[in-house]
Amino acid sequence: MTNKRPLGLPSARLIVIAAVAGLIAGAVAVYVRNTGSGNGEVAADAGACEGTVELARTVDEFARGEVAAMAAATSPRLIDLSFKGPAGQDLKTTDFAGKTVLLNLWATWCGPCREEMPALNNLQKEMGGEDFEVVAVNIDTGSDEKPKAFLEETGVDALGYYRDSTMGVFNTMKKEGLAFGLPVTLILDRKGCLVSAMNGPAVWDSTDAKALITAAKGS
């Protein structure tokens, strides 16, 4: 059996690639900038997340193939992150209670992010609904012009437009040891508790990914 890195930590090679890409894009500020985003801590809450550890173990059995880097959470953690919704309204991850959520952070300057967005769009089209949603949060600084133009150019039309131009959502996840570069993906259960996480891209419309999401939904 292959031993996974805790919570999908990237290999040294991936870290180097991410660092180089960030420098080229002028995005290294993502890693060092602290902003007032209103993002809360990722809290340990055994009561709220009762049963999540067992679900994480079940889901981990499906972390293979195209999603092999997905690593199970080993302790209950309620994820409390803030960003903007499609109409510019304030949202939190807790607002998605009742749904299994694939939370993905992406930026237009991140090549691997751009490559996996069509697959995330396909996953939402096939599996999205009342019990599951792909919540892809763009963290470009500045205006909405570039991210919206990218989504239109690539035909990404099934994903809600979620944004955090302060990069606070990334910085909070980085502080909690969940994010080391982009893209980064979390699976949250219906209570908003962390099930599993990974750093780096994946083929999210693959058979492997859909089996993992089905397991996360508990169906």
N, C-alpha and C. Protein backbone atom coordinates (compact mmCIF):
# COMPACT_ATOMS: atom_id res chain seq x y z
N MET A 1 0.85 -1.20 0.00
CA MET A 1 0.00 0.00 0.00
C MET A 1 0.88 1.24 0.00
N THR A 2 0.53 2.23 -0.80
CA THR A 2 1.31 3.45 -0.87
C THR A 2 0.96 4.36 0.30
N ASN A 3 1.97 4.87 1.00
CA ASN A 3 1.74 5.80 2.09
C ASN A 3 1.57 7.21 1.54
N LYS A 4 0.46 7.85 1.87
CA LYS A 4 0.20 9.20 1.37
C LYS A 4 0.79 10.23 2.30
N ARG A 5 1.12 11.39 1.75
CA ARG A 5 1.51 12.52 2.58
C ARG A 5 0.26 13.04 3.28
N PRO A 6 0.38 13.52 4.53
CA PRO A 6 -0.79 14.04 5.24
C PRO A 6 -1.46 15.15 4.46
N LEU A 7 -2.80 15.03 4.32
CA LEU A 7 -3.62 16.04 3.68
C LEU A 7 -3.12 16.47 2.32
N GLY A 8 -2.61 15.52 1.55
CA GLY A 8 -2.27 15.80 0.17
C GLY A 8 -1.13 16.78 0.01
N LEU A 9 -0.14 16.77 0.91
CA LEU A 9 0.96 17.70 0.77
C LEU A 9 1.71 17.41 -0.51
N PRO A 10 2.17 18.46 -1.22
CA PRO A 10 2.81 18.25 -2.50
C PRO A 10 4.23 17.74 -2.35
N SER A 11 4.71 17.08 -3.38
CA SER A 11 6.09 16.63 -3.41
C SER A 11 7.00 17.83 -3.57
N ALA A 12 8.31 17.61 -3.32
CA ALA A 12 9.27 18.70 -3.47
C ALA A 12 9.25 19.23 -4.90
N ARG A 13 9.08 18.32 -5.87
CA ARG A 13 9.04 18.73 -7.27
C ARG A 13 7.86 19.66 -7.53
N LEU A 14 6.68 19.32 -6.98
CA LEU A 14 5.51 20.16 -7.18
C LEU A 14 5.69 21.52 -6.52
N ILE A 15 6.35 21.53 -5.35
CA ILE A 15 6.57 22.80 -4.67
C ILE A 15 7.46 23.70 -5.51
N VAL A 16 8.51 23.12 -6.10
CA VAL A 16 9.41 23.91 -6.95
C VAL A 16 8.67 24.46 -8.15
N ILE A 17 7.86 23.60 -8.79
CA ILE A 17 7.09 24.03 -9.96
C ILE A 17 6.14 25.16 -9.58
N ALA A 18 5.45 25.00 -8.44
CA ALA A 18 4.50 26.02 -8.00
C ALA A 18 5.22 27.33 -7.70
N ALA A 19 6.39 27.23 -7.07
CA ALA A 19 7.13 28.44 -6.73
C ALA A 19 7.57 29.18 -7.98
N VAL A 20 8.10 28.43 -8.96
CA VAL A 20 8.54 29.05 -10.20
C VAL A 20 7.38 29.71 -10.92
N ALA A 21 6.24 28.99 -10.98
CA ALA A 21 5.06 29.55 -11.65
C ALA A 21 4.60 30.82 -10.95
N GLY A 22 4.65 30.80 -9.63
CA GLY A 22 4.22 31.97 -8.88
C GLY A 22 5.12 33.16 -9.13
N LEU A 23 6.43 32.92 -9.18
CA LEU A 23 7.36 34.02 -9.44
C LEU A 23 7.14 34.61 -10.82
N ILE A 24 6.95 33.73 -11.80
CA ILE A 24 6.74 34.21 -13.17
C ILE A 24 5.49 35.06 -13.24
N ALA A 25 4.47 34.64 -12.54
CA ALA A 25 3.19 35.36 -12.60
C ALA A 25 3.11 36.53 -11.65
N GLY A 26 4.14 36.71 -10.84
CA GLY A 26 4.10 37.77 -9.84
C GLY A 26 3.14 37.46 -8.73
N ALA A 27 2.92 36.15 -8.50
CA ALA A 27 1.91 35.74 -7.55
C ALA A 27 2.49 35.28 -6.24
N VAL A 28 3.77 35.45 -6.03
CA VAL A 28 4.36 34.99 -4.79
C VAL A 28 3.76 35.69 -3.59
N ALA A 29 3.13 36.85 -3.81
CA ALA A 29 2.49 37.57 -2.71
C ALA A 29 1.40 36.76 -2.05
N VAL A 30 0.83 35.81 -2.77
CA VAL A 30 -0.21 34.96 -2.20
C VAL A 30 0.30 34.27 -0.94
N TYR A 31 1.57 33.92 -0.93
CA TYR A 31 2.13 33.13 0.16
C TYR A 31 2.51 33.98 1.36
N VAL A 32 2.64 35.28 1.21
CA VAL A 32 3.17 36.08 2.31
C VAL A 32 2.24 37.22 2.72
N ARG A 33 1.23 37.48 1.96
CA ARG A 33 0.39 38.63 2.23
C ARG A 33 -0.70 38.30 3.23
N ASN A 34 -0.86 39.13 4.24
CA ASN A 34 -1.95 38.98 5.20
C ASN A 34 -2.95 40.08 4.96
N THR A 35 -4.21 39.74 4.78
CA THR A 35 -5.22 40.73 4.47
C THR A 35 -6.40 40.58 5.40
N GLY A 36 -7.17 41.66 5.53
CA GLY A 36 -8.37 41.60 6.35
C GLY A 36 -9.52 41.08 5.55
N SER A 37 -9.71 39.79 5.53
CA SER A 37 -10.74 39.18 4.69
C SER A 37 -11.98 38.79 5.45
N GLY A 38 -11.89 38.80 6.79
CA GLY A 38 -13.02 38.32 7.56
C GLY A 38 -13.04 36.82 7.68
N ASN A 39 -12.03 36.13 7.16
CA ASN A 39 -11.99 34.68 7.27
C ASN A 39 -11.69 34.28 8.70
N GLY A 40 -12.44 33.29 9.18
CA GLY A 40 -12.24 32.79 10.53
C GLY A 40 -11.23 31.67 10.55
N GLU A 41 -10.97 31.17 11.74
CA GLU A 41 -10.07 30.04 11.89
C GLU A 41 -10.76 28.76 11.43
N VAL A 42 -9.97 27.79 11.04
CA VAL A 42 -10.49 26.46 10.80
C VAL A 42 -10.51 25.77 12.15
N ALA A 43 -11.68 25.55 12.70
CA ALA A 43 -11.80 25.16 14.10
C ALA A 43 -11.93 23.65 14.27
N ALA A 44 -11.30 23.15 15.32
CA ALA A 44 -11.49 21.76 15.71
C ALA A 44 -12.78 21.69 16.51
N ASP A 45 -13.71 20.85 16.10
CA ASP A 45 -15.00 20.77 16.77
C ASP A 45 -15.49 19.33 16.69
N ALA A 46 -15.11 18.56 17.69
CA ALA A 46 -15.43 17.13 17.67
C ALA A 46 -16.94 16.92 17.70
N GLY A 47 -17.68 17.81 18.41
CA GLY A 47 -19.12 17.64 18.50
C GLY A 47 -19.80 17.86 17.17
N ALA A 48 -19.46 18.97 16.50
CA ALA A 48 -20.09 19.29 15.22
C ALA A 48 -19.71 18.29 14.14
N CYS A 49 -18.52 17.71 14.26
CA CYS A 49 -18.00 16.84 13.20
C CYS A 49 -18.04 15.36 13.59
N GLU A 50 -18.88 15.03 14.52
CA GLU A 50 -19.00 13.62 14.91
C GLU A 50 -19.38 12.77 13.70
N GLY A 51 -18.66 11.72 13.48
CA GLY A 51 -18.91 10.83 12.35
C GLY A 51 -18.09 11.14 11.12
N THR A 52 -17.45 12.31 11.08
CA THR A 52 -16.70 12.70 9.89
C THR A 52 -15.44 11.85 9.71
N VAL A 53 -14.80 11.48 10.81
CA VAL A 53 -13.58 10.68 10.70
C VAL A 53 -13.88 9.35 10.02
N GLU A 54 -14.99 8.73 10.37
CA GLU A 54 -15.36 7.46 9.75
C GLU A 54 -15.66 7.67 8.26
N LEU A 55 -16.35 8.76 7.94
CA LEU A 55 -16.61 9.07 6.54
C LEU A 55 -15.31 9.28 5.79
N ALA A 56 -14.36 9.99 6.42
CA ALA A 56 -13.07 10.24 5.78
C ALA A 56 -12.33 8.95 5.48
N ARG A 57 -12.42 7.99 6.38
CA ARG A 57 -11.78 6.70 6.14
C ARG A 57 -12.42 5.99 4.95
N THR A 58 -13.73 6.06 4.87
CA THR A 58 -14.43 5.44 3.76
C THR A 58 -14.05 6.09 2.43
N VAL A 59 -14.05 7.42 2.42
CA VAL A 59 -13.71 8.15 1.20
C VAL A 59 -12.28 7.86 0.79
N ASP A 60 -11.39 7.70 1.76
CA ASP A 60 -9.98 7.48 1.47
C ASP A 60 -9.76 6.20 0.65
N GLU A 61 -10.66 5.25 0.78
CA GLU A 61 -10.54 4.01 0.01
C GLU A 61 -10.73 4.27 -1.49
N PHE A 62 -11.33 5.41 -1.83
CA PHE A 62 -11.57 5.76 -3.23
C PHE A 62 -10.57 6.78 -3.75
N ALA A 63 -9.59 7.15 -2.93
CA ALA A 63 -8.55 8.10 -3.34
C ALA A 63 -7.48 7.35 -4.11
N ARG A 64 -7.72 7.16 -5.39
CA ARG A 64 -6.82 6.37 -6.23
C ARG A 64 -6.87 6.91 -7.65
N GLY A 65 -5.95 6.44 -8.45
CA GLY A 65 -5.94 6.86 -9.85
C GLY A 65 -5.79 8.35 -9.99
N GLU A 66 -6.73 9.00 -10.67
CA GLU A 66 -6.67 10.43 -10.95
C GLU A 66 -6.79 11.31 -9.71
N VAL A 67 -7.27 10.74 -8.60
CA VAL A 67 -7.42 11.51 -7.35
C VAL A 67 -6.65 10.86 -6.21
N ALA A 68 -5.56 10.18 -6.54
CA ALA A 68 -4.77 9.46 -5.54
C ALA A 68 -4.13 10.38 -4.51
N ALA A 69 -3.93 11.65 -4.85
CA ALA A 69 -3.29 12.59 -3.93
C ALA A 69 -4.24 13.09 -2.84
N MET A 70 -5.52 12.78 -2.96
CA MET A 70 -6.48 13.19 -1.95
C MET A 70 -6.21 12.42 -0.66
N ALA A 71 -6.01 13.14 0.44
CA ALA A 71 -5.67 12.50 1.71
C ALA A 71 -6.72 12.78 2.76
N ALA A 72 -7.06 11.77 3.53
CA ALA A 72 -8.14 11.86 4.52
C ALA A 72 -7.75 12.73 5.70
N ALA A 73 -8.72 13.48 6.21
CA ALA A 73 -8.54 14.21 7.46
C ALA A 73 -8.54 13.21 8.61
N THR A 74 -7.69 13.43 9.58
CA THR A 74 -7.57 12.49 10.70
C THR A 74 -8.18 13.01 11.99
N SER A 75 -8.69 14.24 11.97
CA SER A 75 -9.36 14.79 13.15
C SER A 75 -10.52 15.67 12.68
N PRO A 76 -11.59 15.75 13.48
CA PRO A 76 -12.75 16.56 13.07
C PRO A 76 -12.38 18.03 12.99
N ARG A 77 -12.71 18.67 11.87
CA ARG A 77 -12.40 20.08 11.70
C ARG A 77 -13.56 20.74 10.96
N LEU A 78 -14.14 21.72 11.59
CA LEU A 78 -15.20 22.49 10.95
C LEU A 78 -14.56 23.61 10.15
N ILE A 79 -14.83 23.67 8.86
CA ILE A 79 -14.22 24.66 7.98
C ILE A 79 -15.09 25.91 7.93
N ASP A 80 -14.52 27.05 8.28
CA ASP A 80 -15.24 28.32 8.32
C ASP A 80 -14.46 29.34 7.50
N LEU A 81 -14.79 29.43 6.23
CA LEU A 81 -14.09 30.32 5.30
C LEU A 81 -15.08 31.27 4.65
N SER A 82 -14.62 32.48 4.36
CA SER A 82 -15.49 33.53 3.81
C SER A 82 -15.05 33.92 2.41
N PHE A 83 -16.03 34.20 1.54
CA PHE A 83 -15.76 34.67 0.18
C PHE A 83 -17.03 35.31 -0.35
N LYS A 84 -16.99 35.77 -1.59
CA LYS A 84 -18.14 36.42 -2.20
C LYS A 84 -18.88 35.47 -3.14
N GLY A 85 -20.19 35.64 -3.20
CA GLY A 85 -21.02 34.84 -4.07
C GLY A 85 -21.24 35.49 -5.43
N PRO A 86 -22.02 34.85 -6.29
CA PRO A 86 -22.24 35.33 -7.66
C PRO A 86 -22.76 36.76 -7.75
N ALA A 87 -23.53 37.20 -6.77
CA ALA A 87 -24.07 38.56 -6.78
C ALA A 87 -23.24 39.50 -5.91
N GLY A 88 -22.05 39.05 -5.52
CA GLY A 88 -21.18 39.87 -4.67
C GLY A 88 -21.54 39.80 -3.20
N GLN A 89 -22.45 38.90 -2.85
CA GLN A 89 -22.89 38.78 -1.46
C GLN A 89 -21.85 38.02 -0.63
N ASP A 90 -21.84 38.31 0.67
CA ASP A 90 -20.94 37.60 1.57
C ASP A 90 -21.43 36.17 1.77
N LEU A 91 -20.51 35.22 1.65
CA LEU A 91 -20.83 33.81 1.86
C LEU A 91 -19.80 33.19 2.78
N LYS A 92 -20.19 32.11 3.43
CA LYS A 92 -19.29 31.28 4.21
C LYS A 92 -19.48 29.83 3.77
N THR A 93 -18.47 29.02 4.02
CA THR A 93 -18.62 27.60 3.71
C THR A 93 -19.80 27.01 4.48
N THR A 94 -20.09 27.54 5.67
CA THR A 94 -21.21 27.03 6.45
C THR A 94 -22.56 27.29 5.79
N ASP A 95 -22.60 28.22 4.83
CA ASP A 95 -23.85 28.48 4.11
C ASP A 95 -24.24 27.33 3.19
N PHE A 96 -23.31 26.40 2.96
CA PHE A 96 -23.57 25.25 2.09
C PHE A 96 -23.96 24.02 2.90
N ALA A 97 -24.28 24.19 4.17
CA ALA A 97 -24.69 23.08 5.03
C ALA A 97 -25.84 22.32 4.37
N GLY A 98 -25.74 21.01 4.44
CA GLY A 98 -26.74 20.15 3.80
C GLY A 98 -26.24 19.58 2.48
N LYS A 99 -25.14 20.15 1.96
CA LYS A 99 -24.53 19.67 0.73
C LYS A 99 -23.13 19.15 1.00
N THR A 100 -22.74 18.11 0.30
CA THR A 100 -21.33 17.76 0.19
C THR A 100 -20.72 18.77 -0.77
N VAL A 101 -19.54 19.31 -0.42
CA VAL A 101 -18.93 20.38 -1.20
C VAL A 101 -17.51 20.01 -1.61
N LEU A 102 -17.20 20.22 -2.88
CA LEU A 102 -15.82 20.20 -3.34
C LEU A 102 -15.40 21.66 -3.44
N LEU A 103 -14.58 22.12 -2.49
CA LEU A 103 -14.11 23.49 -2.45
C LEU A 103 -12.75 23.57 -3.13
N ASN A 104 -12.67 24.36 -4.19
CA ASN A 104 -11.44 24.46 -4.98
C ASN A 104 -11.02 25.92 -5.08
N LEU A 105 -9.74 26.22 -4.83
CA LEU A 105 -9.21 27.57 -5.02
C LEU A 105 -8.42 27.61 -6.31
N TRP A 106 -8.65 28.66 -7.12
CA TRP A 106 -7.98 28.77 -8.41
C TRP A 106 -7.70 30.24 -8.73
N ALA A 107 -6.81 30.45 -9.70
CA ALA A 107 -6.48 31.80 -10.17
C ALA A 107 -6.14 31.73 -11.65
N THR A 108 -6.34 32.83 -12.36
CA THR A 108 -6.07 32.84 -13.80
C THR A 108 -4.59 32.71 -14.10
N TRP A 109 -3.71 33.12 -13.15
CA TRP A 109 -2.27 33.02 -13.38
C TRP A 109 -1.72 31.63 -13.07
N CYS A 110 -2.56 30.75 -12.58
CA CYS A 110 -2.15 29.39 -12.22
C CYS A 110 -2.49 28.45 -13.37
N GLY A 111 -1.46 28.01 -14.12
CA GLY A 111 -1.67 27.14 -15.27
C GLY A 111 -2.44 25.88 -14.97
N PRO A 112 -2.03 25.10 -13.94
CA PRO A 112 -2.78 23.87 -13.62
C PRO A 112 -4.22 24.13 -13.24
N CYS A 113 -4.48 25.28 -12.59
CA CYS A 113 -5.87 25.64 -12.24
C CYS A 113 -6.71 25.79 -13.51
N ARG A 114 -6.17 26.52 -14.46
CA ARG A 114 -6.89 26.77 -15.71
C ARG A 114 -7.18 25.46 -16.43
N GLU A 115 -6.23 24.54 -16.37
CA GLU A 115 -6.40 23.27 -17.07
C GLU A 115 -7.50 22.41 -16.44
N GLU A 116 -7.65 22.48 -15.11
CA GLU A 116 -8.62 21.59 -14.47
C GLU A 116 -10.03 22.20 -14.37
N MET A 117 -10.18 23.49 -14.66
CA MET A 117 -11.50 24.11 -14.54
C MET A 117 -12.57 23.47 -15.42
N PRO A 118 -12.28 23.13 -16.71
CA PRO A 118 -13.31 22.46 -17.50
C PRO A 118 -13.76 21.14 -16.89
N ALA A 119 -12.84 20.42 -16.26
CA ALA A 119 -13.21 19.15 -15.63
C ALA A 119 -14.10 19.39 -14.41
N LEU A 120 -13.79 20.43 -13.64
CA LEU A 120 -14.66 20.79 -12.51
C LEU A 120 -16.04 21.18 -13.01
N ASN A 121 -16.08 21.89 -14.11
CA ASN A 121 -17.35 22.28 -14.72
C ASN A 121 -18.16 21.04 -15.13
N ASN A 122 -17.49 20.06 -15.72
CA ASN A 122 -18.16 18.83 -16.11
C ASN A 122 -18.66 18.05 -14.90
N LEU A 123 -17.87 18.05 -13.83
CA LEU A 123 -18.28 17.36 -12.61
C LEU A 123 -19.54 18.00 -12.04
N GLN A 124 -19.59 19.32 -12.03
CA GLN A 124 -20.78 20.01 -11.54
C GLN A 124 -21.99 19.69 -12.41
N LYS A 125 -21.81 19.67 -13.72
CA LYS A 125 -22.92 19.37 -14.62
C LYS A 125 -23.47 17.97 -14.37
N GLU A 126 -22.58 17.01 -14.12
CA GLU A 126 -23.02 15.63 -13.98
C GLU A 126 -23.53 15.30 -12.58
N MET A 127 -22.89 15.87 -11.54
CA MET A 127 -23.21 15.45 -10.18
C MET A 127 -23.78 16.55 -9.30
N GLY A 128 -23.71 17.80 -9.77
CA GLY A 128 -24.20 18.91 -8.95
C GLY A 128 -25.71 18.85 -8.75
N GLY A 129 -26.15 19.34 -7.60
CA GLY A 129 -27.57 19.33 -7.29
C GLY A 129 -27.79 19.71 -5.85
N GLU A 130 -28.91 19.27 -5.29
CA GLU A 130 -29.26 19.63 -3.93
C GLU A 130 -28.31 19.02 -2.90
N ASP A 131 -27.63 17.91 -3.28
CA ASP A 131 -26.79 17.24 -2.30
C ASP A 131 -25.29 17.39 -2.56
N PHE A 132 -24.90 18.10 -3.64
CA PHE A 132 -23.48 18.26 -3.95
C PHE A 132 -23.27 19.50 -4.81
N GLU A 133 -22.16 20.23 -4.53
CA GLU A 133 -21.80 21.36 -5.37
C GLU A 133 -20.28 21.53 -5.44
N VAL A 134 -19.81 21.85 -6.62
CA VAL A 134 -18.43 22.29 -6.80
C VAL A 134 -18.41 23.78 -6.53
N VAL A 135 -17.66 24.19 -5.50
CA VAL A 135 -17.53 25.61 -5.16
C VAL A 135 -16.10 26.02 -5.49
N ALA A 136 -15.92 26.56 -6.69
CA ALA A 136 -14.59 26.96 -7.16
C ALA A 136 -14.43 28.45 -6.90
N VAL A 137 -13.52 28.79 -5.99
CA VAL A 137 -13.33 30.17 -5.54
C VAL A 137 -12.09 30.77 -6.22
N ASN A 138 -12.30 31.81 -7.01
CA ASN A 138 -11.19 32.49 -7.66
C ASN A 138 -10.53 33.47 -6.69
N ILE A 139 -9.18 33.50 -6.67
CA ILE A 139 -8.48 34.38 -5.74
C ILE A 139 -7.60 35.41 -6.47
N ASP A 140 -7.89 35.70 -7.73
CA ASP A 140 -7.21 36.81 -8.41
C ASP A 140 -7.43 38.10 -7.64
N THR A 141 -6.40 38.92 -7.55
CA THR A 141 -6.60 40.26 -7.00
C THR A 141 -7.14 41.17 -8.11
N GLY A 142 -7.62 42.33 -7.71
CA GLY A 142 -8.12 43.26 -8.72
C GLY A 142 -9.59 43.02 -9.06
N SER A 143 -9.95 43.38 -10.27
CA SER A 143 -11.36 43.34 -10.69
C SER A 143 -11.77 41.93 -11.14
N ASP A 144 -13.04 41.82 -11.49
CA ASP A 144 -13.60 40.55 -11.97
C ASP A 144 -13.29 40.29 -13.44
N GLU A 145 -12.69 41.25 -14.11
CA GLU A 145 -12.56 41.17 -15.57
C GLU A 145 -11.84 39.91 -16.04
N LYS A 146 -10.66 39.63 -15.50
CA LYS A 146 -9.86 38.49 -15.98
C LYS A 146 -10.52 37.15 -15.67
N PRO A 147 -10.93 36.90 -14.42
CA PRO A 147 -11.56 35.59 -14.16
C PRO A 147 -12.83 35.36 -14.95
N LYS A 148 -13.65 36.39 -15.09
CA LYS A 148 -14.89 36.22 -15.85
C LYS A 148 -14.60 35.97 -17.33
N ALA A 149 -13.60 36.68 -17.86
CA ALA A 149 -13.23 36.48 -19.26
C ALA A 149 -12.72 35.06 -19.48
N PHE A 150 -11.91 34.55 -18.55
CA PHE A 150 -11.40 33.19 -18.68
C PHE A 150 -12.54 32.17 -18.68
N LEU A 151 -13.47 32.31 -17.77
CA LEU A 151 -14.58 31.36 -17.70
C LEU A 151 -15.41 31.38 -18.97
N GLU A 152 -15.62 32.57 -19.51
CA GLU A 152 -16.40 32.68 -20.76
C GLU A 152 -15.65 32.07 -21.93
N GLU A 153 -14.34 32.34 -22.03
CA GLU A 153 -13.53 31.84 -23.14
C GLU A 153 -13.45 30.32 -23.14
N THR A 154 -13.43 29.71 -21.96
CA THR A 154 -13.27 28.26 -21.85
C THR A 154 -14.60 27.52 -21.74
N GLY A 155 -15.70 28.24 -21.77
CA GLY A 155 -17.01 27.59 -21.73
C GLY A 155 -17.37 27.01 -20.37
N VAL A 156 -16.77 27.53 -19.31
CA VAL A 156 -17.11 27.08 -17.95
C VAL A 156 -18.39 27.80 -17.56
N ASP A 157 -19.51 27.07 -17.64
CA ASP A 157 -20.81 27.70 -17.49
C ASP A 157 -21.69 27.08 -16.40
N ALA A 158 -21.21 26.03 -15.75
CA ALA A 158 -22.04 25.36 -14.75
C ALA A 158 -21.63 25.70 -13.32
N LEU A 159 -20.49 26.37 -13.17
CA LEU A 159 -19.99 26.69 -11.83
C LEU A 159 -20.49 28.06 -11.39
N GLY A 160 -20.86 28.15 -10.11
CA GLY A 160 -21.18 29.45 -9.54
C GLY A 160 -19.93 30.33 -9.52
N TYR A 161 -20.12 31.64 -9.62
CA TYR A 161 -18.98 32.55 -9.63
C TYR A 161 -18.67 32.99 -8.20
N TYR A 162 -17.67 32.36 -7.61
CA TYR A 162 -17.26 32.65 -6.24
C TYR A 162 -15.88 33.31 -6.26
N ARG A 163 -15.70 34.33 -5.41
CA ARG A 163 -14.48 35.15 -5.48
C ARG A 163 -13.99 35.55 -4.09
N ASP A 164 -12.68 35.68 -3.97
CA ASP A 164 -12.07 36.31 -2.80
C ASP A 164 -10.84 37.06 -3.28
N SER A 165 -11.02 38.31 -3.68
CA SER A 165 -9.91 39.09 -4.22
C SER A 165 -8.92 39.51 -3.15
N THR A 166 -9.25 39.29 -1.86
CA THR A 166 -8.31 39.60 -0.78
C THR A 166 -7.30 38.49 -0.55
N MET A 167 -7.56 37.32 -1.12
CA MET A 167 -6.75 36.11 -0.92
C MET A 167 -6.79 35.62 0.52
N GLY A 168 -7.71 36.15 1.31
CA GLY A 168 -7.81 35.74 2.71
C GLY A 168 -8.16 34.28 2.88
N VAL A 169 -8.99 33.75 1.97
CA VAL A 169 -9.38 32.34 2.07
C VAL A 169 -8.17 31.44 1.89
N PHE A 170 -7.26 31.83 0.97
CA PHE A 170 -6.04 31.06 0.78
C PHE A 170 -5.13 31.16 1.99
N ASN A 171 -4.96 32.38 2.51
CA ASN A 171 -4.06 32.58 3.64
C ASN A 171 -4.53 31.83 4.88
N THR A 172 -5.84 31.78 5.09
CA THR A 172 -6.37 31.02 6.22
C THR A 172 -6.09 29.53 6.06
N MET A 173 -6.31 29.01 4.85
CA MET A 173 -6.04 27.60 4.60
C MET A 173 -4.55 27.29 4.72
N LYS A 174 -3.72 28.22 4.28
CA LYS A 174 -2.27 28.05 4.40
C LYS A 174 -1.86 27.99 5.87
N LYS A 175 -2.41 28.89 6.67
CA LYS A 175 -2.10 28.93 8.10
C LYS A 175 -2.46 27.63 8.78
N GLU A 176 -3.55 27.01 8.32
CA GLU A 176 -4.02 25.76 8.93
C GLU A 176 -3.37 24.52 8.32
N GLY A 177 -2.39 24.72 7.43
CA GLY A 177 -1.67 23.58 6.85
C GLY A 177 -2.42 22.86 5.76
N LEU A 178 -3.38 23.54 5.14
CA LEU A 178 -4.19 22.91 4.10
C LEU A 178 -3.81 23.36 2.70
N ALA A 179 -3.13 24.49 2.57
CA ALA A 179 -2.80 25.03 1.25
C ALA A 179 -1.32 25.38 1.19
N PHE A 180 -0.67 24.92 0.12
CA PHE A 180 0.75 25.20 -0.09
C PHE A 180 1.01 25.80 -1.47
N GLY A 181 0.00 25.92 -2.27
CA GLY A 181 0.09 26.44 -3.63
C GLY A 181 -1.28 26.29 -4.26
N LEU A 182 -1.36 26.47 -5.53
CA LEU A 182 -2.63 26.32 -6.25
C LEU A 182 -2.47 25.32 -7.39
N PRO A 183 -3.57 24.63 -7.72
CA PRO A 183 -4.86 24.62 -7.03
C PRO A 183 -4.81 23.83 -5.73
N VAL A 184 -5.78 24.10 -4.87
CA VAL A 184 -5.96 23.32 -3.65
C VAL A 184 -7.44 22.96 -3.56
N THR A 185 -7.71 21.74 -3.12
CA THR A 185 -9.09 21.25 -3.10
C THR A 185 -9.41 20.59 -1.77
N LEU A 186 -10.56 20.92 -1.21
CA LEU A 186 -11.06 20.29 0.00
C LEU A 186 -12.39 19.61 -0.31
N ILE A 187 -12.64 18.49 0.34
CA ILE A 187 -13.97 17.88 0.34
C ILE A 187 -14.57 18.12 1.71
N LEU A 188 -15.75 18.73 1.75
CA LEU A 188 -16.45 19.00 3.00
C LEU A 188 -17.74 18.18 3.04
N ASP A 189 -18.05 17.66 4.22
CA ASP A 189 -19.30 16.90 4.34
C ASP A 189 -20.48 17.85 4.50
N ARG A 190 -21.64 17.29 4.73
CA ARG A 190 -22.86 18.10 4.75
C ARG A 190 -22.93 19.03 5.95
N LYS A 191 -22.08 18.80 6.94
CA LYS A 191 -22.02 19.70 8.10
C LYS A 191 -20.94 20.76 7.94
N GLY A 192 -20.19 20.69 6.83
CA GLY A 192 -19.10 21.64 6.62
C GLY A 192 -17.79 21.21 7.24
N CYS A 193 -17.68 19.94 7.58
CA CYS A 193 -16.47 19.40 8.20
C CYS A 193 -15.53 18.83 7.13
N LEU A 194 -14.24 18.99 7.38
CA LEU A 194 -13.23 18.53 6.43
C LEU A 194 -13.19 17.01 6.35
N VAL A 195 -13.34 16.48 5.14
CA VAL A 195 -13.25 15.04 4.89
C VAL A 195 -11.87 14.69 4.34
N SER A 196 -11.41 15.42 3.33
CA SER A 196 -10.11 15.17 2.74
C SER A 196 -9.64 16.41 1.99
N ALA A 197 -8.35 16.41 1.62
CA ALA A 197 -7.77 17.58 0.98
C ALA A 197 -6.60 17.18 0.10
N MET A 198 -6.30 18.03 -0.87
CA MET A 198 -5.11 17.82 -1.69
C MET A 198 -4.62 19.14 -2.25
N ASN A 199 -3.32 19.19 -2.52
CA ASN A 199 -2.71 20.30 -3.24
C ASN A 199 -2.30 19.79 -4.60
N GLY A 200 -2.58 20.57 -5.64
CA GLY A 200 -2.26 20.16 -7.00
C GLY A 200 -3.51 19.81 -7.78
N PRO A 201 -3.38 19.70 -9.11
CA PRO A 201 -4.54 19.46 -9.97
C PRO A 201 -4.96 18.00 -10.01
N ALA A 202 -6.18 17.78 -10.47
CA ALA A 202 -6.70 16.43 -10.67
C ALA A 202 -7.69 16.46 -11.82
N VAL A 203 -7.98 15.29 -12.37
CA VAL A 203 -8.98 15.19 -13.45
C VAL A 203 -10.33 14.94 -12.78
N TRP A 204 -11.05 16.03 -12.51
CA TRP A 204 -12.23 15.94 -11.66
C TRP A 204 -13.47 15.37 -12.35
N ASP A 205 -13.41 15.18 -13.65
CA ASP A 205 -14.54 14.52 -14.31
C ASP A 205 -14.22 13.08 -14.66
N SER A 206 -13.16 12.54 -14.07
CA SER A 206 -12.77 11.15 -14.32
C SER A 206 -13.66 10.19 -13.51
N THR A 207 -13.61 8.93 -13.90
CA THR A 207 -14.35 7.90 -13.16
C THR A 207 -13.88 7.83 -11.72
N ASP A 208 -12.57 7.96 -11.51
CA ASP A 208 -12.01 7.92 -10.15
C ASP A 208 -12.58 9.05 -9.30
N ALA A 209 -12.62 10.25 -9.85
CA ALA A 209 -13.11 11.41 -9.10
C ALA A 209 -14.59 11.26 -8.77
N LYS A 210 -15.37 10.78 -9.72
CA LYS A 210 -16.81 10.65 -9.48
C LYS A 210 -17.10 9.57 -8.44
N ALA A 211 -16.29 8.52 -8.42
CA ALA A 211 -16.46 7.49 -7.39
C ALA A 211 -16.13 8.06 -6.01
N LEU A 212 -15.10 8.90 -5.93
CA LEU A 212 -14.73 9.52 -4.66
C LEU A 212 -15.85 10.45 -4.17
N ILE A 213 -16.41 11.25 -5.07
CA ILE A 213 -17.49 12.16 -4.69
C ILE A 213 -18.72 11.38 -4.25
N THR A 214 -19.03 10.31 -4.95
CA THR A 214 -20.17 9.47 -4.56
C THR A 214 -19.99 8.93 -3.15
N ALA A 215 -18.77 8.50 -2.83
CA ALA A 215 -18.48 8.02 -1.48
C ALA A 215 -18.61 9.14 -0.46
N ALA A 216 -18.14 10.35 -0.81
CA ALA A 216 -18.23 11.49 0.11
C ALA A 216 -19.67 11.88 0.39
N LYS A 217 -20.54 11.70 -0.60
CA LYS A 217 -21.95 12.00 -0.43
C LYS A 217 -22.65 10.95 0.45
N GLY A 218 -21.98 9.81 0.63
CA GLY A 218 -22.57 8.74 1.41
C GLY A 218 -23.63 7.97 0.66
N SER A 219 -23.49 7.98 -0.69
CA SER A 219 -24.49 7.28 -1.52
C SER A 219 -23.80 6.51 -2.62
